[in-house]
Amino acid sequence: MLKTNTTMTVQVNGETHSLTAPVKLPEFLTQINLNPRLIAVEYNGEILHRQYWSDTQLQDGDRLEIVTIVGGG
């Protein structure tokens, strides 16, 4: 059976984003113009280690908290 594209919503830092499934986390981060090297991601209440990002398929209703890393001195 072929997978069909469906619309789903995810929460990112409290804001609702609609997207077409299936989509993996790195692709979504690119779609919302974030540099994956400069952020940390909490996925459904758990810090998601970078090594698992490419395997993470977003699902309808997922919650992401994304923190941008800022250098300074």
N, C-alpha and C. Protein backbone atom coordinates (compact mmCIF):
# COMPACT_ATOMS: atom_id res chain seq x y z
N MET A 1 0.84 -1.18 0.00
CA MET A 1 0.00 0.00 0.00
C MET A 1 0.89 1.24 0.00
N LEU A 2 0.54 2.22 -0.81
CA LEU A 2 1.31 3.45 -0.88
C LEU A 2 0.91 4.39 0.25
N LYS A 3 1.92 5.07 0.80
CA LYS A 3 1.63 6.10 1.79
C LYS A 3 1.18 7.35 1.07
N THR A 4 0.14 7.96 1.56
CA THR A 4 -0.31 9.21 0.96
C THR A 4 0.11 10.36 1.86
N ASN A 5 0.30 11.51 1.24
CA ASN A 5 0.64 12.69 2.01
C ASN A 5 -0.61 13.20 2.71
N THR A 6 -0.48 13.51 3.98
CA THR A 6 -1.58 14.04 4.75
C THR A 6 -1.12 15.29 5.47
N THR A 7 -2.07 16.13 5.83
CA THR A 7 -1.74 17.33 6.58
C THR A 7 -1.79 17.00 8.06
N MET A 8 -0.83 17.54 8.79
CA MET A 8 -0.80 17.34 10.24
C MET A 8 -0.35 18.64 10.88
N THR A 9 -0.52 18.72 12.19
CA THR A 9 -0.06 19.89 12.91
C THR A 9 0.90 19.46 14.01
N VAL A 10 1.90 20.31 14.24
CA VAL A 10 2.83 20.13 15.35
C VAL A 10 2.93 21.47 16.07
N GLN A 11 3.24 21.41 17.34
CA GLN A 11 3.44 22.61 18.14
C GLN A 11 4.94 22.87 18.25
N VAL A 12 5.34 24.09 17.91
CA VAL A 12 6.75 24.49 18.02
C VAL A 12 6.80 25.72 18.90
N ASN A 13 7.39 25.58 20.08
CA ASN A 13 7.48 26.68 21.05
C ASN A 13 6.11 27.32 21.26
N GLY A 14 5.07 26.48 21.33
CA GLY A 14 3.72 26.95 21.60
C GLY A 14 2.94 27.41 20.39
N GLU A 15 3.56 27.47 19.22
CA GLU A 15 2.87 27.89 18.00
C GLU A 15 2.53 26.67 17.15
N THR A 16 1.35 26.68 16.55
CA THR A 16 0.92 25.58 15.70
C THR A 16 1.47 25.75 14.30
N HIS A 17 2.05 24.69 13.77
CA HIS A 17 2.55 24.66 12.40
C HIS A 17 1.84 23.52 11.67
N SER A 18 1.29 23.83 10.50
CA SER A 18 0.70 22.79 9.65
C SER A 18 1.73 22.36 8.63
N LEU A 19 1.82 21.07 8.40
CA LEU A 19 2.78 20.57 7.42
C LEU A 19 2.24 19.32 6.78
N THR A 20 2.87 18.94 5.69
CA THR A 20 2.47 17.75 4.97
C THR A 20 3.33 16.58 5.42
N ALA A 21 2.67 15.52 5.88
CA ALA A 21 3.38 14.32 6.32
C ALA A 21 3.59 13.42 5.12
N PRO A 22 4.59 12.59 5.12
CA PRO A 22 5.58 12.40 6.17
C PRO A 22 6.71 13.42 6.07
N VAL A 23 7.26 13.78 7.22
CA VAL A 23 8.41 14.68 7.25
C VAL A 23 9.29 14.30 8.45
N LYS A 24 10.57 14.27 8.21
CA LYS A 24 11.53 13.98 9.29
C LYS A 24 11.98 15.30 9.90
N LEU A 25 12.46 15.23 11.13
CA LEU A 25 12.84 16.41 11.88
C LEU A 25 13.81 17.33 11.14
N PRO A 26 14.94 16.85 10.60
CA PRO A 26 15.86 17.77 9.93
C PRO A 26 15.22 18.53 8.76
N GLU A 27 14.37 17.85 8.00
CA GLU A 27 13.68 18.50 6.89
C GLU A 27 12.75 19.60 7.40
N PHE A 28 12.04 19.33 8.49
CA PHE A 28 11.15 20.33 9.06
C PHE A 28 11.93 21.54 9.56
N LEU A 29 13.06 21.30 10.24
CA LEU A 29 13.87 22.41 10.74
C LEU A 29 14.34 23.31 9.60
N THR A 30 14.68 22.71 8.48
CA THR A 30 15.08 23.48 7.30
C THR A 30 13.89 24.28 6.77
N GLN A 31 12.70 23.67 6.75
CA GLN A 31 11.50 24.35 6.27
C GLN A 31 11.18 25.60 7.09
N ILE A 32 11.47 25.58 8.38
CA ILE A 32 11.18 26.75 9.21
C ILE A 32 12.42 27.62 9.42
N ASN A 33 13.40 27.44 8.53
CA ASN A 33 14.59 28.29 8.47
C ASN A 33 15.44 28.30 9.73
N LEU A 34 15.65 27.12 10.30
CA LEU A 34 16.55 27.01 11.45
C LEU A 34 17.80 26.25 11.04
N ASN A 35 18.93 26.69 11.57
CA ASN A 35 20.20 26.03 11.32
C ASN A 35 20.36 24.92 12.35
N PRO A 36 20.29 23.66 11.92
CA PRO A 36 20.36 22.54 12.88
C PRO A 36 21.61 22.54 13.75
N ARG A 37 22.69 23.16 13.31
CA ARG A 37 23.91 23.18 14.11
C ARG A 37 23.82 24.14 15.30
N LEU A 38 22.83 25.04 15.27
CA LEU A 38 22.77 26.07 16.30
C LEU A 38 21.54 25.97 17.20
N ILE A 39 20.94 24.78 17.29
CA ILE A 39 19.75 24.63 18.11
C ILE A 39 19.79 23.34 18.93
N ALA A 40 18.98 23.32 19.97
CA ALA A 40 18.71 22.11 20.75
C ALA A 40 17.21 21.87 20.64
N VAL A 41 16.82 20.59 20.61
CA VAL A 41 15.41 20.24 20.42
C VAL A 41 14.90 19.35 21.55
N GLU A 42 13.76 19.77 22.12
CA GLU A 42 13.02 18.93 23.04
C GLU A 42 11.83 18.39 22.26
N TYR A 43 11.69 17.08 22.23
CA TYR A 43 10.66 16.41 21.43
C TYR A 43 9.70 15.70 22.36
N ASN A 44 8.46 16.20 22.42
CA ASN A 44 7.44 15.62 23.30
C ASN A 44 7.94 15.46 24.74
N GLY A 45 8.59 16.52 25.24
CA GLY A 45 9.01 16.55 26.64
C GLY A 45 10.37 15.95 26.95
N GLU A 46 11.06 15.44 25.92
CA GLU A 46 12.38 14.82 26.14
C GLU A 46 13.42 15.50 25.25
N ILE A 47 14.59 15.77 25.82
CA ILE A 47 15.66 16.30 24.99
C ILE A 47 16.02 15.24 23.96
N LEU A 48 16.04 15.63 22.69
CA LEU A 48 16.33 14.69 21.62
C LEU A 48 17.78 14.88 21.18
N HIS A 49 18.60 13.88 21.44
CA HIS A 49 20.01 13.97 21.06
C HIS A 49 20.13 14.02 19.54
N ARG A 50 21.04 14.81 19.08
CA ARG A 50 21.24 15.07 17.65
C ARG A 50 21.39 13.78 16.84
N GLN A 51 21.98 12.75 17.40
CA GLN A 51 22.19 11.50 16.66
C GLN A 51 20.88 10.84 16.25
N TYR A 52 19.77 11.20 16.91
CA TYR A 52 18.47 10.61 16.59
C TYR A 52 17.61 11.47 15.68
N TRP A 53 18.06 12.67 15.36
CA TRP A 53 17.24 13.59 14.57
C TRP A 53 16.85 12.99 13.22
N SER A 54 17.82 12.43 12.51
CA SER A 54 17.53 11.94 11.15
C SER A 54 16.56 10.76 11.14
N ASP A 55 16.40 10.08 12.26
CA ASP A 55 15.47 8.95 12.36
C ASP A 55 14.10 9.36 12.90
N THR A 56 13.95 10.63 13.30
CA THR A 56 12.72 11.07 13.94
C THR A 56 11.71 11.55 12.90
N GLN A 57 10.65 10.78 12.75
CA GLN A 57 9.55 11.11 11.85
C GLN A 57 8.51 11.86 12.66
N LEU A 58 8.20 13.10 12.26
CA LEU A 58 7.20 13.86 13.00
C LEU A 58 5.81 13.26 12.82
N GLN A 59 5.03 13.32 13.88
CA GLN A 59 3.67 12.79 13.89
C GLN A 59 2.70 13.90 14.26
N ASP A 60 1.47 13.75 13.82
CA ASP A 60 0.43 14.73 14.14
C ASP A 60 0.34 14.89 15.66
N GLY A 61 0.36 16.14 16.11
CA GLY A 61 0.24 16.43 17.54
C GLY A 61 1.54 16.48 18.30
N ASP A 62 2.68 16.22 17.65
CA ASP A 62 3.97 16.30 18.33
C ASP A 62 4.19 17.71 18.87
N ARG A 63 4.96 17.80 19.97
CA ARG A 63 5.32 19.07 20.56
C ARG A 63 6.84 19.21 20.55
N LEU A 64 7.30 20.31 19.97
CA LEU A 64 8.74 20.60 19.93
C LEU A 64 9.00 21.90 20.69
N GLU A 65 10.04 21.90 21.48
CA GLU A 65 10.57 23.14 22.05
C GLU A 65 11.96 23.26 21.47
N ILE A 66 12.22 24.37 20.81
CA ILE A 66 13.49 24.57 20.13
C ILE A 66 14.18 25.78 20.74
N VAL A 67 15.43 25.57 21.16
CA VAL A 67 16.22 26.62 21.77
C VAL A 67 17.39 26.91 20.84
N THR A 68 17.56 28.20 20.52
CA THR A 68 18.69 28.62 19.70
C THR A 68 19.89 28.88 20.57
N ILE A 69 21.03 28.36 20.17
CA ILE A 69 22.27 28.55 20.90
C ILE A 69 22.89 29.86 20.43
N VAL A 70 23.15 30.75 21.38
CA VAL A 70 23.70 32.06 21.06
C VAL A 70 25.04 32.20 21.75
N GLY A 71 26.07 32.52 20.98
CA GLY A 71 27.39 32.77 21.54
C GLY A 71 27.49 34.19 22.02
N GLY A 72 28.36 34.42 22.94
CA GLY A 72 28.52 35.78 23.43
C GLY A 72 29.75 35.87 24.31
N GLY A 73 29.97 37.03 24.80
CA GLY A 73 31.13 37.19 25.66
C GLY A 73 30.99 38.37 26.55
